[in-house]
C-alpha atoms as a PDB file:
ATOM      1  CA  MET A   1      90.718  14.484  33.906  1.00  0.00           C
ATOM      2  CA  PHE A   2      93.915  12.678  32.843  1.00  0.00           C
ATOM      3  CA  GLU A   3      92.164   9.916  30.845  1.00  0.00           C
ATOM      4  CA  SER A   4      95.565   8.753  29.574  1.00  0.00           C
ATOM      5  CA  LEU A   5      96.714   8.001  33.129  1.00  0.00           C
ATOM      6  CA  LYS A   6      93.833   5.849  34.315  1.00  0.00           C
ATOM      7  CA  LYS A   7      95.284   2.663  32.861  1.00  0.00           C
ATOM      8  CA  ILE A   8      98.478   3.281  34.842  1.00  0.00           C
ATOM      9  CA  PHE A   9      96.873   3.987  38.173  1.00  0.00           C
ATOM     10  CA  GLY A  10      94.070   1.456  38.144  1.00  0.00           C
ATOM     11  CA  LEU A  11      91.916   1.343  41.268  1.00  0.00           C
ATOM     12  CA  LYS A  12      92.600   3.503  44.282  1.00  0.00           C
ATOM     13  CA  PRO A  13      94.108   1.399  47.080  1.00  0.00           C
ATOM     14  CA  LYS A  14      92.115   0.812  50.219  1.00  0.00           C
ATOM     15  CA  GLU A  15      92.809   3.151  53.114  1.00  0.00           C
ATOM     16  CA  GLY A  16      95.790   1.998  55.123  1.00  0.00           C
ATOM     17  CA  GLU A  17      97.256  -0.078  52.257  1.00  0.00           C
ATOM     18  CA  ALA A  18      99.091   2.719  50.457  1.00  0.00           C
ATOM     19  CA  PRO A  19     102.093   4.818  51.466  1.00  0.00           C
ATOM     20  CA  GLN A  20     101.465   8.427  52.444  1.00  0.00           C
ATOM     21  CA  THR A  21     104.674   9.918  51.013  1.00  0.00           C
ATOM     22  CA  VAL A  22     107.067   9.128  48.174  1.00  0.00           C
ATOM     23  CA  GLU A  23     109.856   8.659  50.743  1.00  0.00           C
ATOM     24  CA  GLU A  24     107.800   5.971  52.474  1.00  0.00           C
ATOM     25  CA  ALA A  25     107.186   4.119  49.202  1.00  0.00           C
ATOM     26  CA  VAL A  26     110.717   4.053  47.773  1.00  0.00           C
ATOM     27  CA  GLY A  27     114.043   2.995  49.233  1.00  0.00           C
ATOM     28  CA  ASP A  28     117.110   0.829  48.740  1.00  0.00           C
ATOM     29  CA  SER A  29     115.291  -2.495  48.682  1.00  0.00           C
ATOM     30  CA  GLY A  30     112.287  -3.901  46.888  1.00  0.00           C
ATOM     31  CA  ARG A  31     111.172  -3.945  43.259  1.00  0.00           C
ATOM     32  CA  LYS A  32     113.183  -1.551  41.084  1.00  0.00           C
ATOM     33  CA  ILE A  33     111.195   0.860  38.954  1.00  0.00           C
ATOM     34  CA  ASN A  34     111.856  -0.172  35.384  1.00  0.00           C
ATOM     35  CA  GLU A  35     113.193   2.626  33.161  1.00  0.00           C
ATOM     36  CA  SER A  36     110.883   1.665  30.300  1.00  0.00           C
ATOM     37  CA  ASP A  37     107.879   1.677  32.636  1.00  0.00           C
ATOM     38  CA  LEU A  38     108.887   5.143  33.820  1.00  0.00           C
ATOM     39  CA  ASP A  39     109.214   6.361  30.226  1.00  0.00           C
ATOM     40  CA  GLU A  40     105.730   5.024  29.478  1.00  0.00           C
ATOM     41  CA  LEU A  41     104.401   6.773  32.575  1.00  0.00           C
ATOM     42  CA  LEU A  42     105.965  10.076  31.577  1.00  0.00           C
ATOM     43  CA  TRP A  43     104.572   9.796  28.051  1.00  0.00           C
ATOM     44  CA  ASN A  44     101.073   9.091  29.343  1.00  0.00           C
ATOM     45  CA  LEU A  45     101.535  11.841  31.909  1.00  0.00           C
ATOM     46  CA  GLU A  46     102.371  14.307  29.138  1.00  0.00           C
ATOM     47  CA  LEU A  47      99.279  13.272  27.141  1.00  0.00           C
ATOM     48  CA  GLY A  48      97.087  13.546  30.220  1.00  0.00           C
ATOM     49  CA  LEU A  49      98.353  17.005  31.109  1.00  0.00           C
ATOM     50  CA  MET A  50      97.908  18.175  27.514  1.00  0.00           C
ATOM     51  CA  GLU A  51      94.303  16.919  27.638  1.00  0.00           C
ATOM     52  CA  ALA A  52      93.888  19.080  30.736  1.00  0.00           C
ATOM     53  CA  ASP A  53      95.072  22.221  28.905  1.00  0.00           C
ATOM     54  CA  VAL A  54      98.245  22.444  30.967  1.00  0.00           C
ATOM     55  CA  ALA A  55     100.942  24.639  29.405  1.00  0.00           C
ATOM     56  CA  LEU A  56     103.999  22.836  28.006  1.00  0.00           C
ATOM     57  CA  PRO A  57     106.559  24.400  30.397  1.00  0.00           C
ATOM     58  CA  VAL A  58     104.410  23.205  33.302  1.00  0.00           C
ATOM     59  CA  ILE A  59     104.255  19.697  31.848  1.00  0.00           C
ATOM     60  CA  GLU A  60     108.051  19.591  31.599  1.00  0.00           C
ATOM     61  CA  GLU A  61     108.417  20.784  35.199  1.00  0.00           C
ATOM     62  CA  ILE A  62     106.038  18.090  36.489  1.00  0.00           C
ATOM     63  CA  LYS A  63     107.719  15.371  34.426  1.00  0.00           C
ATOM     64  CA  THR A  64     111.136  16.418  35.737  1.00  0.00           C
ATOM     65  CA  SER A  65     109.879  16.283  39.319  1.00  0.00           C
ATOM     66  CA  VAL A  66     108.307  12.835  38.866  1.00  0.00           C
ATOM     67  CA  LYS A  67     111.449  11.466  37.236  1.00  0.00           C
ATOM     68  CA  ALA A  68     113.641  12.850  40.017  1.00  0.00           C
ATOM     69  CA  ASP A  69     111.480  11.106  42.624  1.00  0.00           C
ATOM     70  CA  LEU A  70     111.361   7.735  40.860  1.00  0.00           C
ATOM     71  CA  ALA A  71     114.334   7.183  38.504  1.00  0.00           C
ATOM     72  CA  GLY A  72     116.570   4.374  39.746  1.00  0.00           C
ATOM     73  CA  LYS A  73     114.500   3.925  42.919  1.00  0.00           C
ATOM     74  CA  ARG A  74     113.050   0.730  44.382  1.00  0.00           C
ATOM     75  CA  VAL A  75     109.537   0.347  45.742  1.00  0.00           C
ATOM     76  CA  ASP A  76     109.135  -1.197  49.156  1.00  0.00           C
ATOM     77  CA  LYS A  77     107.700  -4.699  48.793  1.00  0.00           C
ATOM     78  CA  LYS A  78     104.777  -3.698  51.049  1.00  0.00           C
ATOM     79  CA  PHE A  79     103.513  -1.353  48.311  1.00  0.00           C
ATOM     80  CA  LYS A  80     102.737  -1.370  44.611  1.00  0.00           C
ATOM     81  CA  VAL A  81     104.776   0.495  42.014  1.00  0.00           C
ATOM     82  CA  GLU A  82     101.552   2.282  41.085  1.00  0.00           C
ATOM     83  CA  ASP A  83     101.378   3.670  44.634  1.00  0.00           C
ATOM     84  CA  ALA A  84     104.782   5.307  44.264  1.00  0.00           C
ATOM     85  CA  ILE A  85     103.876   6.651  40.834  1.00  0.00           C
ATOM     86  CA  ARG A  86     100.619   8.121  42.097  1.00  0.00           C
ATOM     87  CA  LEU A  87     102.333   9.824  45.027  1.00  0.00           C
ATOM     88  CA  ALA A  88     105.150  11.216  42.891  1.00  0.00           C
ATOM     89  CA  LEU A  89     102.656  12.708  40.459  1.00  0.00           C
ATOM     90  CA  ARG A  90     100.456  14.168  43.188  1.00  0.00           C
ATOM     91  CA  THR A  91     103.523  15.624  44.926  1.00  0.00           C
ATOM     92  CA  ALA A  92     104.717  17.234  41.690  1.00  0.00           C
ATOM     93  CA  VAL A  93     101.303  18.752  40.934  1.00  0.00           C
ATOM     94  CA  GLU A  94     100.857  20.051  44.501  1.00  0.00           C
ATOM     95  CA  LYS A  95     104.342  21.590  44.407  1.00  0.00           C
ATOM     96  CA  THR A  96     103.456  23.371  41.163  1.00  0.00           C
ATOM     97  CA  LEU A  97     100.211  24.715  42.634  1.00  0.00           C
ATOM     98  CA  ASN A  98     101.942  26.003  45.779  1.00  0.00           C
ATOM     99  CA  GLN A  99     103.534  29.309  44.837  1.00  0.00           C
ATOM    100  CA  GLY A 100     104.262  30.993  48.130  1.00  0.00           C
ATOM    101  CA  ASP A 101     102.533  31.148  51.487  1.00  0.00           C
ATOM    102  CA  PHE A 102      99.780  33.753  51.191  1.00  0.00           C
ATOM    103  CA  ASP A 103      96.720  34.375  53.351  1.00  0.00           C
ATOM    104  CA  PHE A 104      94.412  37.162  52.162  1.00  0.00           C
ATOM    105  CA  ASP A 105      92.479  37.345  55.431  1.00  0.00           C
ATOM    106  CA  VAL A 106      95.616  37.694  57.555  1.00  0.00           C
ATOM    107  CA  PHE A 107      97.040  40.301  55.171  1.00  0.00           C
ATOM    108  CA  ILE A 108      93.886  42.433  55.434  1.00  0.00           C
ATOM    109  CA  GLN A 109      93.543  42.086  59.190  1.00  0.00           C
ATOM    110  CA  LYS A 110      97.161  43.028  59.929  1.00  0.00           C
ATOM    111  CA  HIS A 111      97.605  45.826  57.400  1.00  0.00           C
ATOM    112  CA  GLU A 112      97.163  49.481  58.240  1.00  0.00           C
ATOM    113  CA  LYS A 113      93.712  50.695  57.165  1.00  0.00           C
ATOM    114  CA  PRO A 114      92.356  51.468  54.713  1.00  0.00           C
ATOM    115  CA  VAL A 115      93.747  48.611  52.641  1.00  0.00           C
ATOM    116  CA  VAL A 116      93.461  49.164  48.889  1.00  0.00           C
ATOM    117  CA  VAL A 117      92.949  46.062  46.741  1.00  0.00           C
ATOM    118  CA  MET A 118      92.926  46.450  42.962  1.00  0.00           C
ATOM    119  CA  PHE A 119      91.390  43.810  40.708  1.00  0.00           C
ATOM    120  CA  VAL A 120      92.462  43.264  37.103  1.00  0.00           C
ATOM    121  CA  GLY A 121      91.384  40.833  34.407  1.00  0.00           C
ATOM    122  CA  ILE A 122      89.461  40.507  31.169  1.00  0.00           C
ATOM    123  CA  ASN A 123      85.732  41.265  30.984  1.00  0.00           C
ATOM    124  CA  GLY A 124      83.613  38.147  31.277  1.00  0.00           C
ATOM    125  CA  THR A 125      85.806  36.329  33.778  1.00  0.00           C
ATOM    126  CA  GLY A 126      83.537  37.141  36.727  1.00  0.00           C
ATOM    127  CA  LYS A 127      85.802  39.872  38.132  1.00  0.00           C
ATOM    128  CA  THR A 128      83.047  42.120  39.506  1.00  0.00           C
ATOM    129  CA  THR A 129      81.208  39.159  41.027  1.00  0.00           C
ATOM    130  CA  ALA A 130      84.456  38.001  42.648  1.00  0.00           C
ATOM    131  CA  ILE A 131      84.827  41.470  44.168  1.00  0.00           C
ATOM    132  CA  ALA A 132      81.291  41.214  45.545  1.00  0.00           C
ATOM    133  CA  LYS A 133      82.087  37.801  47.052  1.00  0.00           C
ATOM    134  CA  LEU A 134      85.196  39.147  48.764  1.00  0.00           C
ATOM    135  CA  THR A 135      83.198  42.140  50.006  1.00  0.00           C
ATOM    136  CA  ASN A 136      80.712  39.755  51.583  1.00  0.00           C
ATOM    137  CA  ARG A 137      83.599  37.773  53.110  1.00  0.00           C
ATOM    138  CA  LEU A 138      85.126  40.919  54.576  1.00  0.00           C
ATOM    139  CA  HIS A 139      81.792  41.976  56.053  1.00  0.00           C
ATOM    140  CA  LYS A 140      81.421  38.549  57.689  1.00  0.00           C
ATOM    141  CA  ALA A 141      84.839  39.146  59.267  1.00  0.00           C
ATOM    142  CA  GLY A 142      83.584  42.418  60.762  1.00  0.00           C
ATOM    143  CA  LEU A 143      85.358  44.740  58.325  1.00  0.00           C
ATOM    144  CA  THR A 144      83.897  47.679  56.408  1.00  0.00           C
ATOM    145  CA  THR A 145      84.350  48.300  52.694  1.00  0.00           C
ATOM    146  CA  VAL A 146      84.100  50.833  49.884  1.00  0.00           C
ATOM    147  CA  LEU A 147      83.781  49.766  46.248  1.00  0.00           C
ATOM    148  CA  SER A 148      85.346  51.771  43.432  1.00  0.00           C
ATOM    149  CA  ALA A 149      83.523  51.532  40.075  1.00  0.00           C
ATOM    150  CA  SER A 150      86.697  52.160  38.068  1.00  0.00           C
ATOM    151  CA  ASP A 151      85.507  50.280  35.013  1.00  0.00           C
ATOM    152  CA  THR A 152      84.151  53.474  33.486  1.00  0.00           C
ATOM    153  CA  PHE A 153      84.502  52.094  29.959  1.00  0.00           C
ATOM    154  CA  ARG A 154      81.160  50.260  30.209  1.00  0.00           C
ATOM    155  CA  ALA A 155      78.014  51.773  31.707  1.00  0.00           C
ATOM    156  CA  GLY A 156      76.892  48.208  32.399  1.00  0.00           C
ATOM    157  CA  ALA A 157      79.894  47.618  34.636  1.00  0.00           C
ATOM    158  CA  ILE A 158      79.033  50.637  36.789  1.00  0.00           C
ATOM    159  CA  GLU A 159      75.461  49.405  37.082  1.00  0.00           C
ATOM    160  CA  GLN A 160      76.569  45.880  37.945  1.00  0.00           C
ATOM    161  CA  ILE A 161      78.848  46.873  40.816  1.00  0.00           C
ATOM    162  CA  SER A 162      76.214  49.348  42.052  1.00  0.00           C
ATOM    163  CA  ILE A 163      73.660  46.524  42.292  1.00  0.00           C
ATOM    164  CA  HIS A 164      76.141  44.431  44.286  1.00  0.00           C
ATOM    165  CA  GLY A 165      76.836  47.418  46.541  1.00  0.00           C
ATOM    166  CA  ASP A 166      73.135  47.852  47.279  1.00  0.00           C
ATOM    167  CA  LYS A 167      72.693  44.164  48.047  1.00  0.00           C
ATOM    168  CA  LEU A 168      75.747  44.074  50.301  1.00  0.00           C
ATOM    169  CA  GLY A 169      75.072  47.378  52.008  1.00  0.00           C
ATOM    170  CA  THR A 170      78.335  49.041  51.057  1.00  0.00           C
ATOM    171  CA  LYS A 171      79.150  52.398  49.472  1.00  0.00           C
ATOM    172  CA  VAL A 172      80.003  52.419  45.764  1.00  0.00           C
ATOM    173  CA  ILE A 173      81.980  55.407  44.482  1.00  0.00           C
ATOM    174  CA  LYS A 174      81.224  56.040  40.813  1.00  0.00           C
ATOM    175  CA  HIS A 175      81.496  58.737  38.163  1.00  0.00           C
ATOM    176  CA  GLN A 176      79.842  59.182  34.791  1.00  0.00           C
ATOM    177  CA  SER A 177      80.463  56.516  32.178  1.00  0.00           C
ATOM    178  CA  GLY A 178      83.634  57.390  30.265  1.00  0.00           C
ATOM    179  CA  GLY A 179      85.176  59.206  33.232  1.00  0.00           C
ATOM    180  CA  ASP A 180      88.725  58.861  34.550  1.00  0.00           C
ATOM    181  CA  PRO A 181      89.046  55.455  36.296  1.00  0.00           C
ATOM    182  CA  ALA A 182      91.943  56.670  38.438  1.00  0.00           C
ATOM    183  CA  ALA A 183      89.881  59.637  39.671  1.00  0.00           C
ATOM    184  CA  VAL A 184      87.126  57.248  40.771  1.00  0.00           C
ATOM    185  CA  ALA A 185      89.648  55.121  42.679  1.00  0.00           C
ATOM    186  CA  TYR A 186      91.119  58.243  44.282  1.00  0.00           C
ATOM    187  CA  ASP A 187      87.683  59.395  45.442  1.00  0.00           C
ATOM    188  CA  ALA A 188      86.963  55.931  46.836  1.00  0.00           C
ATOM    189  CA  LEU A 189      90.193  56.001  48.824  1.00  0.00           C
ATOM    190  CA  GLU A 190      89.461  59.496  50.158  1.00  0.00           C
ATOM    191  CA  HIS A 191      85.945  58.393  51.144  1.00  0.00           C
ATOM    192  CA  ALA A 192      87.406  55.388  52.999  1.00  0.00           C
ATOM    193  CA  LYS A 193      89.841  57.625  54.876  1.00  0.00           C
ATOM    194  CA  ALA A 194      87.146  60.149  55.802  1.00  0.00           C
ATOM    195  CA  ARG A 195      84.631  57.514  56.918  1.00  0.00           C
ATOM    196  CA  LYS A 196      87.265  55.219  58.460  1.00  0.00           C
ATOM    197  CA  ARG A 197      86.441  52.275  56.211  1.00  0.00           C
ATOM    198  CA  ASP A 198      88.754  49.263  56.319  1.00  0.00           C
ATOM    199  CA  VAL A 199      89.088  48.094  52.726  1.00  0.00           C
ATOM    200  CA  VAL A 200      88.775  49.737  49.297  1.00  0.00           C
ATOM    201  CA  LEU A 201      88.075  47.255  46.481  1.00  0.00           C
ATOM    202  CA  VAL A 202      88.819  48.720  43.048  1.00  0.00           C
ATOM    203  CA  ASP A 203      87.055  47.248  40.024  1.00  0.00           C
ATOM    204  CA  THR A 204      88.775  47.958  36.693  1.00  0.00           C
ATOM    205  CA  ALA A 205      88.114  47.642  32.974  1.00  0.00           C
ATOM    206  CA  GLY A 206      89.148  44.542  31.054  1.00  0.00           C
ATOM    207  CA  ARG A 207      88.774  45.076  27.356  1.00  0.00           C
ATOM    208  CA  MET A 208      91.665  43.092  25.934  1.00  0.00           C
ATOM    209  CA  GLN A 209      94.971  42.254  27.557  1.00  0.00           C
ATOM    210  CA  THR A 210      96.736  43.433  24.388  1.00  0.00           C
ATOM    211  CA  ASN A 211      95.119  46.883  24.504  1.00  0.00           C
ATOM    212  CA  SER A 212      97.912  49.329  25.369  1.00  0.00           C
ATOM    213  CA  ASN A 213      95.399  52.007  26.380  1.00  0.00           C
ATOM    214  CA  LEU A 214      93.944  49.602  28.924  1.00  0.00           C
ATOM    215  CA  MET A 215      97.365  48.870  30.401  1.00  0.00           C
ATOM    216  CA  ASP A 216      98.159  52.588  30.604  1.00  0.00           C
ATOM    217  CA  GLU A 217      94.840  53.039  32.408  1.00  0.00           C
ATOM    218  CA  MET A 218      95.730  50.303  34.922  1.00  0.00           C
ATOM    219  CA  LYS A 219      99.168  51.826  35.503  1.00  0.00           C
ATOM    220  CA  LYS A 220      97.610  55.231  36.186  1.00  0.00           C
ATOM    221  CA  ILE A 221      95.207  53.766  38.762  1.00  0.00           C
ATOM    222  CA  LYS A 222      98.149  52.081  40.436  1.00  0.00           C
ATOM    223  CA  ARG A 223     100.167  55.317  40.530  1.00  0.00           C
ATOM    224  CA  VAL A 224      97.262  57.305  41.963  1.00  0.00           C
ATOM    225  CA  VAL A 225      95.995  55.005  44.745  1.00  0.00           C
ATOM    226  CA  LYS A 226      99.067  52.775  45.263  1.00  0.00           C
ATOM    227  CA  PRO A 227      97.135  49.552  45.973  1.00  0.00           C
ATOM    228  CA  HIS A 228      98.566  47.332  48.669  1.00  0.00           C
ATOM    229  CA  MET A 229      97.544  44.275  46.683  1.00  0.00           C
ATOM    230  CA  THR A 230      96.730  43.647  43.006  1.00  0.00           C
ATOM    231  CA  ILE A 231      94.687  40.552  42.243  1.00  0.00           C
ATOM    232  CA  PHE A 232      94.291  38.977  38.812  1.00  0.00           C
ATOM    233  CA  VAL A 233      90.880  37.373  38.273  1.00  0.00           C
ATOM    234  CA  GLY A 234      91.018  34.598  35.677  1.00  0.00           C
ATOM    235  CA  ASP A 235      88.454  32.303  34.096  1.00  0.00           C
ATOM    236  CA  SER A 236      89.488  28.708  34.782  1.00  0.00           C
ATOM    237  CA  LEU A 237      87.697  27.629  31.588  1.00  0.00           C
ATOM    238  CA  ALA A 238      89.739  29.956  29.368  1.00  0.00           C
ATOM    239  CA  GLY A 239      92.729  27.604  29.087  1.00  0.00           C
ATOM    240  CA  ASN A 240      95.797  29.099  27.436  1.00  0.00           C
ATOM    241  CA  ASP A 241      94.032  32.466  27.070  1.00  0.00           C
ATOM    242  CA  ALA A 242      93.891  32.810  30.863  1.00  0.00           C
ATOM    243  CA  ILE A 243      97.584  31.964  31.116  1.00  0.00           C
ATOM    244  CA  GLU A 244      98.535  34.615  28.569  1.00  0.00           C
ATOM    245  CA  GLN A 245      96.270  37.166  30.261  1.00  0.00           C
ATOM    246  CA  ALA A 246      97.900  36.515  33.638  1.00  0.00           C
ATOM    247  CA  ARG A 247     101.362  36.750  32.119  1.00  0.00           C
ATOM    248  CA  THR A 248     100.558  40.070  30.398  1.00  0.00           C
ATOM    249  CA  PHE A 249      98.935  41.695  33.431  1.00  0.00           C
ATOM    250  CA  ASP A 250     101.815  40.573  35.636  1.00  0.00           C
ATOM    251  CA  LYS A 251     104.401  41.960  33.222  1.00  0.00           C
ATOM    252  CA  GLU A 252     102.609  45.274  32.648  1.00  0.00           C
ATOM    253  CA  ILE A 253     100.916  45.938  36.000  1.00  0.00           C
ATOM    254  CA  GLY A 254     102.298  43.491  38.533  1.00  0.00           C
ATOM    255  CA  ILE A 255     100.159  40.826  40.217  1.00  0.00           C
ATOM    256  CA  ASP A 256     100.327  39.750  43.855  1.00  0.00           C
ATOM    257  CA  ALA A 257      97.742  36.970  43.855  1.00  0.00           C
ATOM    258  CA  VAL A 258      95.147  35.199  41.703  1.00  0.00           C
ATOM    259  CA  ILE A 259      91.453  34.402  41.967  1.00  0.00           C
ATOM    260  CA  LEU A 260      90.157  31.695  39.633  1.00  0.00           C
ATOM    261  CA  THR A 261      86.464  31.764  38.747  1.00  0.00           C
ATOM    262  CA  LYS A 262      84.109  29.079  37.389  1.00  0.00           C
ATOM    263  CA  ILE A 263      86.137  26.345  39.057  1.00  0.00           C
ATOM    264  CA  ASP A 264      82.882  24.438  39.587  1.00  0.00           C
ATOM    265  CA  ALA A 265      82.550  24.053  35.801  1.00  0.00           C
ATOM    266  CA  ASP A 266      86.224  23.249  35.169  1.00  0.00           C
ATOM    267  CA  ALA A 267      86.671  19.516  34.731  1.00  0.00           C
ATOM    268  CA  LYS A 268      90.331  19.828  33.734  1.00  0.00           C
ATOM    269  CA  GLY A 269      92.147  22.137  36.097  1.00  0.00           C
ATOM    270  CA  GLY A 270      94.840  23.139  33.641  1.00  0.00           C
ATOM    271  CA  ALA A 271      94.417  26.856  34.292  1.00  0.00           C
ATOM    272  CA  ALA A 272      95.178  26.561  38.012  1.00  0.00           C
ATOM    273  CA  LEU A 273      98.336  24.584  37.342  1.00  0.00           C
ATOM    274  CA  SER A 274      99.522  26.733  34.462  1.00  0.00           C
ATOM    275  CA  ILE A 275      98.820  30.185  35.932  1.00  0.00           C
ATOM    276  CA  ALA A 276     100.421  29.296  39.268  1.00  0.00           C
ATOM    277  CA  TYR A 277     103.558  28.052  37.511  1.00  0.00           C
ATOM    278  CA  THR A 278     103.741  30.728  34.804  1.00  0.00           C
ATOM    279  CA  ILE A 279     103.618  33.864  36.972  1.00  0.00           C
ATOM    280  CA  LYS A 280     104.876  32.255  40.198  1.00  0.00           C
ATOM    281  CA  LYS A 281     102.175  33.998  42.256  1.00  0.00           C
ATOM    282  CA  PRO A 282      99.831  32.367  44.795  1.00  0.00           C
ATOM    283  CA  ILE A 283      96.227  31.496  44.041  1.00  0.00           C
ATOM    284  CA  ALA A 284      94.266  33.170  46.828  1.00  0.00           C
ATOM    285  CA  PHE A 285      90.678  32.032  46.153  1.00  0.00           C
ATOM    286  CA  LEU A 286      88.531  29.845  43.948  1.00  0.00           C
ATOM    287  CA  CYS A 287      84.997  30.841  42.953  1.00  0.00           C
ATOM    288  CA  THR A 288      82.747  27.796  43.047  1.00  0.00           C
ATOM    289  CA  GLY A 289      79.349  29.197  42.033  1.00  0.00           C
ATOM    290  CA  GLN A 290      77.241  32.322  41.565  1.00  0.00           C
ATOM    291  CA  GLY A 291      76.278  33.085  45.174  1.00  0.00           C
ATOM    292  CA  TYR A 292      78.128  35.488  47.465  1.00  0.00           C
ATOM    293  CA  GLU A 293      79.185  32.562  49.665  1.00  0.00           C
ATOM    294  CA  ASP A 294      80.582  30.605  46.725  1.00  0.00           C
ATOM    295  CA  ILE A 295      84.227  31.482  47.227  1.00  0.00           C
ATOM    296  CA  ILE A 296      86.791  29.351  49.025  1.00  0.00           C
ATOM    297  CA  LYS A 297      90.387  29.827  50.069  1.00  0.00           C
ATOM    298  CA  PHE A 298      92.730  28.055  47.736  1.00  0.00           C
ATOM    299  CA  ASP A 299      94.149  24.855  49.126  1.00  0.00           C
ATOM    300  CA  ALA A 300      96.618  22.923  46.977  1.00  0.00           C
ATOM    301  CA  LYS A 301      95.762  19.560  48.534  1.00  0.00           C
ATOM    302  CA  TRP A 302      92.023  20.141  47.964  1.00  0.00           C
ATOM    303  CA  MET A 303      92.764  21.036  44.352  1.00  0.00           C
ATOM    304  CA  VAL A 304      94.943  17.968  43.822  1.00  0.00           C
ATOM    305  CA  ASP A 305      92.262  15.713  45.334  1.00  0.00           C
ATOM    306  CA  ARG A 306      89.750  17.264  42.946  1.00  0.00           C
ATOM    307  CA  LEU A 307      91.993  16.948  39.908  1.00  0.00           C
ATOM    308  CA  PHE A 308      92.714  13.291  40.624  1.00  0.00           C
ATOM    309  CA  SER A 309      89.203  12.257  41.624  1.00  0.00           C
ATOM    310  CA  ASP A 310      88.509  10.720  38.210  1.00  0.00           C
ATOM    311  CA  ILE A 311      91.681   8.670  38.335  1.00  0.00           C
ATOM    312  CA  GLU A 312      91.378   7.367  41.849  1.00  0.00           C
END
């Protein structure tokens, strides 16, 4: 990632030789950061972010943050200018990725039961598999679940979530293919109340984000079961498509948090940056593989380290 920036950063400094914060690196004395050097940095930064499929508004935000940290500043003689540049860029990217303090596990544990979590997103992003991974995570935490097969548009979707339910040992509420998705979600919620289950996870259809019938369907599910949390599941490889999908679902349905799938195959990371900035909602989890255990809590520092691993 960020091929255009490698020539600026050079080799990663040895541990103990570099500052840990921008404030530590810059001050009133030392070598002044040359304006032309900063302009060159920002140009290369823009190229690098574009290579990473980062949306233009996000690029401008990061550039503004870097410039604010460095313009007119001096770098302590103990450190290199490149150290200050690296820290300013990492700080700007981490700030963009951090969109609110959100902890899914704490939310579920503290909320009155049953908690209803609705999942939205386009087919093919790994939405149903992400639901299965969270189900497994909840079971490991000692919680019980019910799955709602509310993607009634595709018979294959009902079959897929049923297979996951069997493997995970949890009840799947389903109707005939073509049935009312909201009715399925309602029955799942009633089952959870009757059997004292902790969490209802509602799978939904994802034909096209521009399909008004789909959005009306999502709105009806939301009216009927009143989910306590709505999670958008996006494909980190989808680039600008994922950004537009997140924007549309947030505008039409309302999103509380994001799960990004296929992060293990994403060498760029533009989707994480762009979605977080565009809809200003926290990224809750990253899916890192196909297994039920392959889901990790989002951590901005971990993501930044991963994004910059090629540079440093």
